[in-house]
PDB file of N, CA and C in Angstrom:
ATOM      1  N   MET A   1      94.718 136.342 120.591  1.00  0.00           N
ATOM      2  CA  MET A   1      95.897 135.512 120.452  1.00  0.00           C
ATOM      3  C   MET A   1      97.031 136.186 121.205  1.00  0.00           C
ATOM      4  N   THR A   2      97.671 135.413 122.098  1.00  0.00           N
ATOM      5  CA  THR A   2      98.783 135.975 122.850  1.00  0.00           C
ATOM      6  C   THR A   2     100.028 135.992 121.978  1.00  0.00           C
ATOM      7  N   ASP A   3     101.043 136.713 122.445  1.00  0.00           N
ATOM      8  CA  ASP A   3     102.279 136.817 121.664  1.00  0.00           C
ATOM      9  C   ASP A   3     102.939 135.464 121.445  1.00  0.00           C
ATOM     10  N   SER A   4     102.757 134.550 122.399  1.00  0.00           N
ATOM     11  CA  SER A   4     103.402 133.241 122.277  1.00  0.00           C
ATOM     12  C   SER A   4     102.528 132.192 121.594  1.00  0.00           C
ATOM     13  N   ALA A   5     101.289 132.530 121.303  1.00  0.00           N
ATOM     14  CA  ALA A   5     100.371 131.562 120.700  1.00  0.00           C
ATOM     15  C   ALA A   5     100.668 131.403 119.214  1.00  0.00           C
ATOM     16  N   ALA A   6     100.551 130.171 118.743  1.00  0.00           N
ATOM     17  CA  ALA A   6     100.773 129.880 117.334  1.00  0.00           C
ATOM     18  C   ALA A   6      99.447 129.865 116.583  1.00  0.00           C
ATOM     19  N   LEU A   7      99.467 130.386 115.375  1.00  0.00           N
ATOM     20  CA  LEU A   7      98.291 130.413 114.508  1.00  0.00           C
ATOM     21  C   LEU A   7      97.879 128.985 114.165  1.00  0.00           C
ATOM     22  N   VAL A   8      96.591 128.694 114.266  1.00  0.00           N
ATOM     23  CA  VAL A   8      96.030 127.402 113.896  1.00  0.00           C
ATOM     24  C   VAL A   8      94.782 127.660 113.061  1.00  0.00           C
ATOM     25  N   VAL A   9      94.616 126.879 112.008  1.00  0.00           N
ATOM     26  CA  VAL A   9      93.375 126.913 111.240  1.00  0.00           C
ATOM     27  C   VAL A   9      92.702 125.558 111.417  1.00  0.00           C
ATOM     28  N   GLU A  10      91.470 125.609 111.893  1.00  0.00           N
ATOM     29  CA  GLU A  10      90.646 124.407 112.019  1.00  0.00           C
ATOM     30  C   GLU A  10      89.824 124.287 110.743  1.00  0.00           C
ATOM     31  N   ILE A  11      89.805 123.099 110.166  1.00  0.00           N
ATOM     32  CA  ILE A  11      89.003 122.849 108.965  1.00  0.00           C
ATOM     33  C   ILE A  11      87.820 121.991 109.392  1.00  0.00           C
ATOM     34  N   HIS A  12      86.620 122.573 109.350  1.00  0.00           N
ATOM     35  CA  HIS A  12      85.400 121.901 109.802  1.00  0.00           C
ATOM     36  C   HIS A  12      84.645 121.346 108.595  1.00  0.00           C
ATOM     37  N   VAL A  13      84.495 120.024 108.556  1.00  0.00           N
ATOM     38  CA  VAL A  13      83.802 119.351 107.451  1.00  0.00           C
ATOM     39  C   VAL A  13      82.537 118.708 108.008  1.00  0.00           C
ATOM     40  N   PRO A  14      81.373 119.030 107.441  1.00  0.00           N
ATOM     41  CA  PRO A  14      80.130 118.424 107.940  1.00  0.00           C
ATOM     42  C   PRO A  14      80.186 116.898 107.854  1.00  0.00           C
ATOM     43  N   LEU A  15      79.706 116.240 108.886  1.00  0.00           N
ATOM     44  CA  LEU A  15      79.661 114.777 108.889  1.00  0.00           C
ATOM     45  C   LEU A  15      78.474 114.301 108.066  1.00  0.00           C
ATOM     46  N   THR A  16      78.619 114.477 106.759  1.00  0.00           N
ATOM     47  CA  THR A  16      77.600 114.058 105.805  1.00  0.00           C
ATOM     48  C   THR A  16      78.050 112.742 105.195  1.00  0.00           C
ATOM     49  N   PRO A  17      77.280 111.664 105.384  1.00  0.00           N
ATOM     50  CA  PRO A  17      77.694 110.379 104.825  1.00  0.00           C
ATOM     51  C   PRO A  17      77.714 110.405 103.299  1.00  0.00           C
ATOM     52  N   ASP A  18      78.635 109.658 102.723  1.00  0.00           N
ATOM     53  CA  ASP A  18      78.694 109.484 101.280  1.00  0.00           C
ATOM     54  C   ASP A  18      77.561 108.530 100.904  1.00  0.00           C
ATOM     55  N   PRO A  19      76.572 108.980 100.104  1.00  0.00           N
ATOM     56  CA  PRO A  19      75.404 108.144  99.807  1.00  0.00           C
ATOM     57  C   PRO A  19      75.756 106.828  99.121  1.00  0.00           C
ATOM     58  N   ALA A  20      76.700 106.846  98.207  1.00  0.00           N
ATOM     59  CA  ALA A  20      77.076 105.626  97.493  1.00  0.00           C
ATOM     60  C   ALA A  20      77.737 104.633  98.448  1.00  0.00           C
ATOM     61  N   ALA A  21      78.605 105.139  99.309  1.00  0.00           N
ATOM     62  CA  ALA A  21      79.287 104.259 100.267  1.00  0.00           C
ATOM     63  C   ALA A  21      78.290 103.691 101.272  1.00  0.00           C
ATOM     64  N   ALA A  22      77.394 104.522 101.752  1.00  0.00           N
ATOM     65  CA  ALA A  22      76.406 104.076 102.733  1.00  0.00           C
ATOM     66  C   ALA A  22      75.496 103.001 102.131  1.00  0.00           C
ATOM     67  N   ALA A  23      75.125 103.169 100.863  1.00  0.00           N
ATOM     68  CA  ALA A  23      74.233 102.212 100.204  1.00  0.00           C
ATOM     69  C   ALA A  23      74.905 100.856 100.016  1.00  0.00           C
ATOM     70  N   SER A  24      76.213 100.857  99.833  1.00  0.00           N
ATOM     71  CA  SER A  24      76.922  99.600  99.603  1.00  0.00           C
ATOM     72  C   SER A  24      77.491  98.997 100.884  1.00  0.00           C
ATOM     73  N   GLY A  25      77.227  99.644 102.021  1.00  0.00           N
ATOM     74  CA  GLY A  25      77.694  99.124 103.301  1.00  0.00           C
ATOM     75  C   GLY A  25      79.150  99.447 103.613  1.00  0.00           C
ATOM     76  N   GLU A  26      79.756 100.313 102.818  1.00  0.00           N
ATOM     77  CA  GLU A  26      81.142 100.722 103.053  1.00  0.00           C
ATOM     78  C   GLU A  26      81.197 101.850 104.080  1.00  0.00           C
ATOM     79  N   GLU A  27      82.402 102.293 104.368  1.00  0.00           N
ATOM     80  CA  GLU A  27      82.627 103.413 105.275  1.00  0.00           C
ATOM     81  C   GLU A  27      81.756 104.599 104.851  1.00  0.00           C
ATOM     82  N   GLN A  28      81.004 105.171 105.805  1.00  0.00           N
ATOM     83  CA  GLN A  28      80.088 106.270 105.480  1.00  0.00           C
ATOM     84  C   GLN A  28      80.809 107.579 105.181  1.00  0.00           C
ATOM     85  N   PHE A  29      82.023 107.728 105.705  1.00  0.00           N
ATOM     86  CA  PHE A  29      82.750 108.986 105.552  1.00  0.00           C
ATOM     87  C   PHE A  29      84.130 108.730 104.927  1.00  0.00           C
ATOM     88  N   PRO A  30      84.178 108.219 103.697  1.00  0.00           N
ATOM     89  CA  PRO A  30      85.481 107.907 103.084  1.00  0.00           C
ATOM     90  C   PRO A  30      86.346 109.144 102.879  1.00  0.00           C
ATOM     91  N   TRP A  31      85.728 110.297 102.844  1.00  0.00           N
ATOM     92  CA  TRP A  31      86.470 111.536 102.640  1.00  0.00           C
ATOM     93  C   TRP A  31      87.387 111.858 103.824  1.00  0.00           C
ATOM     94  N   ILE A  32      87.114 111.295 105.011  1.00  0.00           N
ATOM     95  CA  ILE A  32      87.997 111.557 106.159  1.00  0.00           C
ATOM     96  C   ILE A  32      89.391 111.017 105.863  1.00  0.00           C
ATOM     97  N   ASP A  33      89.476 109.758 105.431  1.00  0.00           N
ATOM     98  CA  ASP A  33      90.787 109.174 105.120  1.00  0.00           C
ATOM     99  C   ASP A  33      91.459 109.905 103.975  1.00  0.00           C
ATOM    100  N   ASP A  34      90.670 110.325 102.979  1.00  0.00           N
ATOM    101  CA  ASP A  34      91.225 111.070 101.857  1.00  0.00           C
ATOM    102  C   ASP A  34      91.856 112.380 102.333  1.00  0.00           C
ATOM    103  N   ILE A  35      91.167 113.085 103.219  1.00  0.00           N
ATOM    104  CA  ILE A  35      91.696 114.358 103.730  1.00  0.00           C
ATOM    105  C   ILE A  35      92.937 114.116 104.580  1.00  0.00           C
ATOM    106  N   VAL A  36      92.918 113.077 105.414  1.00  0.00           N
ATOM    107  CA  VAL A  36      94.096 112.745 106.231  1.00  0.00           C
ATOM    108  C   VAL A  36      95.298 112.496 105.325  1.00  0.00           C
ATOM    109  N   ASP A  37      95.102 111.699 104.269  1.00  0.00           N
ATOM    110  CA  ASP A  37      96.192 111.408 103.338  1.00  0.00           C
ATOM    111  C   ASP A  37      96.675 112.673 102.634  1.00  0.00           C
ATOM    112  N   TYR A  38      95.729 113.507 102.195  1.00  0.00           N
ATOM    113  CA  TYR A  38      96.084 114.749 101.506  1.00  0.00           C
ATOM    114  C   TYR A  38      96.897 115.670 102.427  1.00  0.00           C
ATOM    115  N   LEU A  39      96.424 115.851 103.661  1.00  0.00           N
ATOM    116  CA  LEU A  39      97.140 116.733 104.586  1.00  0.00           C
ATOM    117  C   LEU A  39      98.524 116.177 104.916  1.00  0.00           C
ATOM    118  N   ALA A  40      98.662 114.869 104.996  1.00  0.00           N
ATOM    119  CA  ALA A  40      99.982 114.261 105.229  1.00  0.00           C
ATOM    120  C   ALA A  40     100.921 114.563 104.068  1.00  0.00           C
ATOM    121  N   GLU A  41     100.400 114.506 102.843  1.00  0.00           N
ATOM    122  CA  GLU A  41     101.214 114.833 101.671  1.00  0.00           C
ATOM    123  C   GLU A  41     101.677 116.288 101.712  1.00  0.00           C
ATOM    124  N   VAL A  42     100.762 117.190 102.053  1.00  0.00           N
ATOM    125  CA  VAL A  42     101.121 118.606 102.119  1.00  0.00           C
ATOM    126  C   VAL A  42     102.120 118.830 103.255  1.00  0.00           C
ATOM    127  N   GLU A  43     101.913 118.151 104.374  1.00  0.00           N
ATOM    128  CA  GLU A  43     102.835 118.291 105.502  1.00  0.00           C
ATOM    129  C   GLU A  43     104.238 117.805 105.113  1.00  0.00           C
ATOM    130  N   ASP A  44     104.308 116.730 104.332  1.00  0.00           N
ATOM    131  CA  ASP A  44     105.599 116.191 103.906  1.00  0.00           C
ATOM    132  C   ASP A  44     106.395 117.180 103.063  1.00  0.00           C
ATOM    133  N   THR A  45     105.724 118.128 102.414  1.00  0.00           N
ATOM    134  CA  THR A  45     106.428 119.145 101.628  1.00  0.00           C
ATOM    135  C   THR A  45     107.057 120.207 102.527  1.00  0.00           C
ATOM    136  N   GLY A  46     106.629 120.239 103.796  1.00  0.00           N
ATOM    137  CA  GLY A  46     107.144 121.237 104.729  1.00  0.00           C
ATOM    138  C   GLY A  46     106.375 122.539 104.710  1.00  0.00           C
ATOM    139  N   ASP A  47     105.297 122.606 103.915  1.00  0.00           N
ATOM    140  CA  ASP A  47     104.531 123.842 103.796  1.00  0.00           C
ATOM    141  C   ASP A  47     103.662 124.121 105.017  1.00  0.00           C
ATOM    142  N   ILE A  48     103.160 123.061 105.650  1.00  0.00           N
ATOM    143  CA  ILE A  48     102.291 123.201 106.825  1.00  0.00           C
ATOM    144  C   ILE A  48     102.650 122.118 107.827  1.00  0.00           C
ATOM    145  N   MET A  49     102.007 122.199 108.983  1.00  0.00           N
ATOM    146  CA  MET A  49     102.130 121.167 109.985  1.00  0.00           C
ATOM    147  C   MET A  49     100.717 120.756 110.393  1.00  0.00           C
ATOM    148  N   VAL A  50     100.451 119.451 110.382  1.00  0.00           N
ATOM    149  CA  VAL A  50      99.176 118.955 110.907  1.00  0.00           C
ATOM    150  C   VAL A  50      99.357 118.887 112.411  1.00  0.00           C
ATOM    151  N   VAL A  51      98.569 119.676 113.138  1.00  0.00           N
ATOM    152  CA  VAL A  51      98.778 119.855 114.566  1.00  0.00           C
ATOM    153  C   VAL A  51      98.351 118.645 115.369  1.00  0.00           C
ATOM    154  N   ASP A  52      97.259 118.058 115.002  1.00  0.00           N
ATOM    155  CA  ASP A  52      96.671 117.008 115.815  1.00  0.00           C
ATOM    156  C   ASP A  52      95.881 116.103 114.888  1.00  0.00           C
ATOM    157  N   GLU A  53      95.530 114.936 115.381  1.00  0.00           N
ATOM    158  CA  GLU A  53      94.628 114.097 114.602  1.00  0.00           C
ATOM    159  C   GLU A  53      93.280 114.785 114.552  1.00  0.00           C
ATOM    160  N   GLY A  54      92.542 114.533 113.502  1.00  0.00           N
ATOM    161  CA  GLY A  54      91.213 115.101 113.413  1.00  0.00           C
ATOM    162  C   GLY A  54      90.325 114.561 114.524  1.00  0.00           C
ATOM    163  N   GLU A  55      89.238 115.265 114.757  1.00  0.00           N
ATOM    164  CA  GLU A  55      88.303 114.833 115.788  1.00  0.00           C
ATOM    165  C   GLU A  55      86.893 115.287 115.436  1.00  0.00           C
ATOM    166  N   GLN A  56      85.938 114.560 115.969  1.00  0.00           N
ATOM    167  CA  GLN A  56      84.545 114.937 115.774  1.00  0.00           C
ATOM    168  C   GLN A  56      84.186 116.023 116.779  1.00  0.00           C
ATOM    169  N   SER A  57      83.523 117.045 116.290  1.00  0.00           N
ATOM    170  CA  SER A  57      83.026 118.126 117.135  1.00  0.00           C
ATOM    171  C   SER A  57      81.608 118.432 116.671  1.00  0.00           C
ATOM    172  N   ASP A  58      80.662 118.048 117.486  1.00  0.00           N
ATOM    173  CA  ASP A  58      79.244 118.159 117.131  1.00  0.00           C
ATOM    174  C   ASP A  58      79.000 117.437 115.807  1.00  0.00           C
ATOM    175  N   ASP A  59      78.467 118.134 114.818  1.00  0.00           N
ATOM    176  CA  ASP A  59      78.138 117.481 113.547  1.00  0.00           C
ATOM    177  C   ASP A  59      79.181 117.752 112.462  1.00  0.00           C
ATOM    178  N   HIS A  60      80.430 117.991 112.880  1.00  0.00           N
ATOM    179  CA  HIS A  60      81.542 118.212 111.959  1.00  0.00           C
ATOM    180  C   HIS A  60      82.725 117.334 112.351  1.00  0.00           C
ATOM    181  N   TYR A  61      83.570 117.059 111.366  1.00  0.00           N
ATOM    182  CA  TYR A  61      84.866 116.451 111.634  1.00  0.00           C
ATOM    183  C   TYR A  61      85.874 117.562 111.421  1.00  0.00           C
ATOM    184  N   VAL A  62      86.789 117.745 112.375  1.00  0.00           N
ATOM    185  CA  VAL A  62      87.681 118.901 112.369  1.00  0.00           C
ATOM    186  C   VAL A  62      89.135 118.452 112.217  1.00  0.00           C
ATOM    187  N   PHE A  63      89.830 119.105 111.283  1.00  0.00           N
ATOM    188  CA  PHE A  63      91.254 118.894 111.055  1.00  0.00           C
ATOM    189  C   PHE A  63      91.976 120.173 111.476  1.00  0.00           C
ATOM    190  N   PHE A  64      93.217 120.049 111.964  1.00  0.00           N
ATOM    191  CA  PHE A  64      93.958 121.184 112.491  1.00  0.00           C
ATOM    192  C   PHE A  64      95.279 121.336 111.744  1.00  0.00           C
ATOM    193  N   VAL A  65      95.515 122.532 111.176  1.00  0.00           N
ATOM    194  CA  VAL A  65      96.775 122.802 110.482  1.00  0.00           C
ATOM    195  C   VAL A  65      97.397 124.082 111.021  1.00  0.00           C
ATOM    196  N   ALA A  66      98.728 124.128 110.976  1.00  0.00           N
ATOM    197  CA  ALA A  66      99.478 125.287 111.474  1.00  0.00           C
ATOM    198  C   ALA A  66     100.818 125.308 110.744  1.00  0.00           C
ATOM    199  N   GLY A  67     101.714 126.148 111.231  1.00  0.00           N
ATOM    200  CA  GLY A  67     103.069 126.163 110.697  1.00  0.00           C
ATOM    201  C   GLY A  67     103.285 127.031 109.481  1.00  0.00           C
ATOM    202  N   ALA A  68     102.318 127.879 109.164  1.00  0.00           N
ATOM    203  CA  ALA A  68     102.451 128.781 108.014  1.00  0.00           C
ATOM    204  C   ALA A  68     101.632 130.036 108.306  1.00  0.00           C
ATOM    205  N   ASP A  69     101.681 130.984 107.384  1.00  0.00           N
ATOM    206  CA  ASP A  69     100.889 132.200 107.567  1.00  0.00           C
ATOM    207  C   ASP A  69      99.415 131.900 107.288  1.00  0.00           C
ATOM    208  N   GLU A  70      98.558 132.803 107.689  1.00  0.00           N
ATOM    209  CA  GLU A  70      97.111 132.603 107.569  1.00  0.00           C
ATOM    210  C   GLU A  70      96.672 132.325 106.140  1.00  0.00           C
ATOM    211  N   GLY A  71      97.181 133.089 105.193  1.00  0.00           N
ATOM    212  CA  GLY A  71      96.790 132.894 103.798  1.00  0.00           C
ATOM    213  C   GLY A  71      97.133 131.503 103.294  1.00  0.00           C
ATOM    214  N   SER A  72      98.312 131.019 103.638  1.00  0.00           N
ATOM    215  CA  SER A  72      98.730 129.677 103.207  1.00  0.00           C
ATOM    216  C   SER A  72      97.862 128.603 103.846  1.00  0.00           C
ATOM    217  N   LEU A  73      97.564 128.759 105.130  1.00  0.00           N
ATOM    218  CA  LEU A  73      96.732 127.771 105.822  1.00  0.00           C
ATOM    219  C   LEU A  73      95.307 127.772 105.272  1.00  0.00           C
ATOM    220  N   LEU A  74      94.772 128.941 104.983  1.00  0.00           N
ATOM    221  CA  LEU A  74      93.429 129.006 104.405  1.00  0.00           C
ATOM    222  C   LEU A  74      93.413 128.451 102.981  1.00  0.00           C
ATOM    223  N   ASN A  75      94.520 128.605 102.266  1.00  0.00           N
ATOM    224  CA  ASN A  75      94.625 128.021 100.926  1.00  0.00           C
ATOM    225  C   ASN A  75      94.555 126.496 101.024  1.00  0.00           C
ATOM    226  N   VAL A  76      95.259 125.911 101.968  1.00  0.00           N
ATOM    227  CA  VAL A  76      95.197 124.460 102.178  1.00  0.00           C
ATOM    228  C   VAL A  76      93.774 124.054 102.539  1.00  0.00           C
ATOM    229  N   ALA A  77      93.136 124.827 103.425  1.00  0.00           N
ATOM    230  CA  ALA A  77      91.757 124.525 103.828  1.00  0.00           C
ATOM    231  C   ALA A  77      90.812 124.574 102.630  1.00  0.00           C
ATOM    232  N   ALA A  78      90.997 125.553 101.759  1.00  0.00           N
ATOM    233  CA  ALA A  78      90.153 125.664 100.563  1.00  0.00           C
ATOM    234  C   ALA A  78      90.375 124.485  99.628  1.00  0.00           C
ATOM    235  N   ARG A  79      91.616 124.019  99.517  1.00  0.00           N
ATOM    236  CA  ARG A  79      91.888 122.846  98.682  1.00  0.00           C
ATOM    237  C   ARG A  79      91.244 121.604  99.274  1.00  0.00           C
ATOM    238  N   VAL A  80      91.234 121.491 100.597  1.00  0.00           N
ATOM    239  CA  VAL A  80      90.533 120.372 101.251  1.00  0.00           C
ATOM    240  C   VAL A  80      89.049 120.427 100.899  1.00  0.00           C
ATOM    241  N   ALA A  81      88.460 121.608 101.000  1.00  0.00           N
ATOM    242  CA  ALA A  81      87.023 121.774 100.749  1.00  0.00           C
ATOM    243  C   ALA A  81      86.646 121.420  99.311  1.00  0.00           C
ATOM    244  N   SER A  82      87.580 121.576  98.383  1.00  0.00           N
ATOM    245  CA  SER A  82      87.264 121.335  96.970  1.00  0.00           C
ATOM    246  C   SER A  82      87.629 119.924  96.502  1.00  0.00           C
ATOM    247  N   ARG A  83      88.096 119.084  97.414  1.00  0.00           N
ATOM    248  CA  ARG A  83      88.459 117.717  97.025  1.00  0.00           C
ATOM    249  C   ARG A  83      87.213 116.923  96.661  1.00  0.00           C
ATOM    250  N   PRO A  84      87.339 116.014  95.690  1.00  0.00           N
ATOM    251  CA  PRO A  84      86.192 115.184  95.302  1.00  0.00           C
ATOM    252  C   PRO A  84      85.671 114.377  96.500  1.00  0.00           C
ATOM    253  N   GLY A  85      84.347 114.348  96.628  1.00  0.00           N
ATOM    254  CA  GLY A  85      83.722 113.568  97.682  1.00  0.00           C
ATOM    255  C   GLY A  85      83.543 114.288  99.000  1.00  0.00           C
ATOM    256  N   VAL A  86      84.215 115.438  99.162  1.00  0.00           N
ATOM    257  CA  VAL A  86      84.081 116.194 100.411  1.00  0.00           C
ATOM    258  C   VAL A  86      82.744 116.930 100.375  1.00  0.00           C
ATOM    259  N   PRO A  87      81.933 116.787 101.439  1.00  0.00           N
ATOM    260  CA  PRO A  87      80.622 117.435 101.434  1.00  0.00           C
ATOM    261  C   PRO A  87      80.722 118.967 101.383  1.00  0.00           C
ATOM    262  N   THR A  88      79.664 119.600 100.932  1.00  0.00           N
ATOM    263  CA  THR A  88      79.622 121.059 100.953  1.00  0.00           C
ATOM    264  C   THR A  88      79.369 121.532 102.383  1.00  0.00           C
ATOM    265  N   GLY A  89      79.625 122.798 102.611  1.00  0.00           N
ATOM    266  CA  GLY A  89      79.418 123.370 103.941  1.00  0.00           C
ATOM    267  C   GLY A  89      80.678 123.410 104.784  1.00  0.00           C
ATOM    268  N   VAL A  90      81.834 123.242 104.148  1.00  0.00           N
ATOM    269  CA  VAL A  90      83.112 123.271 104.860  1.00  0.00           C
ATOM    270  C   VAL A  90      83.438 124.716 105.223  1.00  0.00           C
ATOM    271  N   PHE A  91      83.938 124.898 106.437  1.00  0.00           N
ATOM    272  CA  PHE A  91      84.406 126.224 106.840  1.00  0.00           C
ATOM    273  C   PHE A  91      85.664 126.074 107.682  1.00  0.00           C
ATOM    274  N   ALA A  92      86.403 127.170 107.800  1.00  0.00           N
ATOM    275  CA  ALA A  92      87.615 127.196 108.619  1.00  0.00           C
ATOM    276  C   ALA A  92      87.395 128.145 109.785  1.00  0.00           C
ATOM    277  N   MET A  93      88.065 127.845 110.871  1.00  0.00           N
ATOM    278  CA  MET A  93      88.127 128.754 112.013  1.00  0.00           C
ATOM    279  C   MET A  93      89.591 129.152 112.171  1.00  0.00           C
ATOM    280  N   VAL A  94      89.855 130.452 112.102  1.00  0.00           N
ATOM    281  CA  VAL A  94      91.203 130.966 112.308  1.00  0.00           C
ATOM    282  C   VAL A  94      91.327 131.237 113.797  1.00  0.00           C
ATOM    283  N   THR A  95      92.238 130.527 114.435  1.00  0.00           N
ATOM    284  CA  THR A  95      92.363 130.590 115.885  1.00  0.00           C
ATOM    285  C   THR A  95      93.830 130.441 116.266  1.00  0.00           C
ATOM    286  N   ASP A  96      94.108 130.038 117.472  1.00  0.00           N
ATOM    287  CA  ASP A  96      95.489 129.798 117.892  1.00  0.00           C
ATOM    288  C   ASP A  96      95.528 128.615 118.849  1.00  0.00           C
ATOM    289  N   ASP A  97      96.738 128.202 119.171  1.00  0.00           N
ATOM    290  CA  ASP A  97      96.877 127.019 120.008  1.00  0.00           C
ATOM    291  C   ASP A  97      96.589 127.289 121.483  1.00  0.00           C
ATOM    292  N   ASP A  98      96.232 128.523 121.833  1.00  0.00           N
ATOM    293  CA  ASP A  98      95.785 128.846 123.191  1.00  0.00           C
ATOM    294  C   ASP A  98      94.272 128.706 123.345  1.00  0.00           C
ATOM    295  N   ALA A  99      93.555 128.470 122.241  1.00  0.00           N
ATOM    296  CA  ALA A  99      92.091 128.376 122.313  1.00  0.00           C
ATOM    297  C   ALA A  99      91.699 127.248 123.259  1.00  0.00           C
ATOM    298  N   GLU A 100      90.717 127.523 124.086  1.00  0.00           N
ATOM    299  CA  GLU A 100      90.311 126.557 125.099  1.00  0.00           C
ATOM    300  C   GLU A 100      89.442 125.444 124.552  1.00  0.00           C
ATOM    301  N   GLU A 101      88.844 125.669 123.385  1.00  0.00           N
ATOM    302  CA  GLU A 101      88.021 124.626 122.776  1.00  0.00           C
ATOM    303  C   GLU A 101      87.970 124.815 121.268  1.00  0.00           C
ATOM    304  N   VAL A 102      87.511 123.775 120.608  1.00  0.00           N
ATOM    305  CA  VAL A 102      87.371 123.806 119.157  1.00  0.00           C
ATOM    306  C   VAL A 102      86.239 124.753 118.773  1.00  0.00           C
ATOM    307  N   GLY A 103      86.426 125.470 117.677  1.00  0.00           N
ATOM    308  CA  GLY A 103      85.362 126.314 117.146  1.00  0.00           C
ATOM    309  C   GLY A 103      85.406 127.760 117.591  1.00  0.00           C
ATOM    310  N   LEU A 104      86.444 128.151 118.293  1.00  0.00           N
ATOM    311  CA  LEU A 104      86.587 129.547 118.694  1.00  0.00           C
ATOM    312  C   LEU A 104      87.487 130.253 117.695  1.00  0.00           C
ATOM    313  N   GLY A 105      87.162 131.465 117.347  1.00  0.00           N
ATOM    314  CA  GLY A 105      87.968 132.223 116.405  1.00  0.00           C
ATOM    315  C   GLY A 105      87.121 132.849 115.318  1.00  0.00           C
ATOM    316  N   ARG A 106      87.779 133.224 114.240  1.00  0.00           N
ATOM    317  CA  ARG A 106      87.106 133.883 113.117  1.00  0.00           C
ATOM    318  C   ARG A 106      86.735 132.824 112.094  1.00  0.00           C
ATOM    319  N   ARG A 107      85.458 132.801 111.703  1.00  0.00           N
ATOM    320  CA  ARG A 107      84.960 131.815 110.753  1.00  0.00           C
ATOM    321  C   ARG A 107      85.176 132.299 109.324  1.00  0.00           C
ATOM    322  N   VAL A 108      85.645 131.374 108.458  1.00  0.00           N
ATOM    323  CA  VAL A 108      85.859 131.659 107.042  1.00  0.00           C
ATOM    324  C   VAL A 108      85.130 130.559 106.261  1.00  0.00           C
ATOM    325  N   GLU A 109      84.129 130.953 105.477  1.00  0.00           N
ATOM    326  CA  GLU A 109      83.375 129.986 104.665  1.00  0.00           C
ATOM    327  C   GLU A 109      84.245 129.507 103.508  1.00  0.00           C
ATOM    328  N   LEU A 110      84.222 128.197 103.253  1.00  0.00           N
ATOM    329  CA  LEU A 110      85.044 127.636 102.193  1.00  0.00           C
ATOM    330  C   LEU A 110      84.215 126.975 101.080  1.00  0.00           C
ATOM    331  N   SER A 111      83.071 126.394 101.434  1.00  0.00           N
ATOM    332  CA  SER A 111      82.229 125.761 100.400  1.00  0.00           C
ATOM    333  C   SER A 111      80.784 125.768 100.833  1.00  0.00           C
TER     334      SER A 111
END
């Protein structure tokens, strides 16, 4: 991380369909909207900043948060991982905004 780079935590959530939703023909990944709403609420408090819209990266959906120290950002990531309906296997990547691609940095297991 360069001196001018800002700390970013990527929250990687496995793209595991919700079995109940899939069976009823509803959105397969309802937890994506739930996480977007949750992160918007946390951002509104001023505690963090959602850096970018989430995006699919391989077999994960990735959310990006910044604007706080590492411990605070990882705390938010852990709360995301423990939300109802969120699949297991969530991890965070501690990186910075100079990273050339998603998934570079130090991996932190969350669930």
